[in-house]
Amino acid sequence: MLMSRNVLVPLARRNK
């Protein structure tokens, strides 16, 4: 659960 959010958070910020 924590790994999924840790990956979606940085991934979404890099996409911007």
N, C-alpha and C. Protein backbone atom coordinates (compact mmCIF):
# COMPACT_ATOMS: atom_id res chain seq x y z
N MET A 1 0.86 -1.21 0.00
CA MET A 1 0.00 0.00 0.00
C MET A 1 0.89 1.26 0.00
N LEU A 2 1.88 1.23 0.84
CA LEU A 2 2.77 2.44 0.94
C LEU A 2 3.63 2.55 -0.33
N MET A 3 4.03 1.41 -0.83
CA MET A 3 4.89 1.44 -2.04
C MET A 3 4.11 1.98 -3.24
N SER A 4 2.86 1.61 -3.32
CA SER A 4 2.02 2.06 -4.46
C SER A 4 1.90 3.58 -4.44
N ARG A 5 1.73 4.15 -3.30
CA ARG A 5 1.55 5.64 -3.19
C ARG A 5 2.91 6.29 -3.39
N ASN A 6 3.94 5.68 -2.88
CA ASN A 6 5.29 6.27 -3.02
C ASN A 6 5.70 6.34 -4.50
N VAL A 7 5.12 5.47 -5.29
CA VAL A 7 5.47 5.43 -6.73
C VAL A 7 4.55 6.34 -7.53
N LEU A 8 3.30 6.39 -7.13
CA LEU A 8 2.32 7.24 -7.87
C LEU A 8 2.56 8.72 -7.57
N VAL A 9 3.04 9.00 -6.41
CA VAL A 9 3.26 10.42 -6.04
C VAL A 9 4.41 11.03 -6.84
N PRO A 10 5.59 10.41 -6.85
CA PRO A 10 6.75 10.93 -7.59
C PRO A 10 6.55 10.81 -9.10
N LEU A 11 5.84 9.79 -9.51
CA LEU A 11 5.60 9.60 -10.96
C LEU A 11 4.69 10.70 -11.50
N ALA A 12 3.66 11.02 -10.76
CA ALA A 12 2.71 12.06 -11.22
C ALA A 12 3.40 13.42 -11.20
N ARG A 13 4.27 13.63 -10.29
CA ARG A 13 4.96 14.97 -10.18
C ARG A 13 5.96 15.09 -11.32
N ARG A 14 6.53 13.99 -11.72
CA ARG A 14 7.56 14.05 -12.83
C ARG A 14 6.82 14.24 -14.15
N ASN A 15 5.63 13.73 -14.24
CA ASN A 15 4.86 13.86 -15.50
C ASN A 15 4.55 15.33 -15.78
N LYS A 16 4.38 16.09 -14.72
CA LYS A 16 4.05 17.53 -14.88
C LYS A 16 5.31 18.21 -15.39
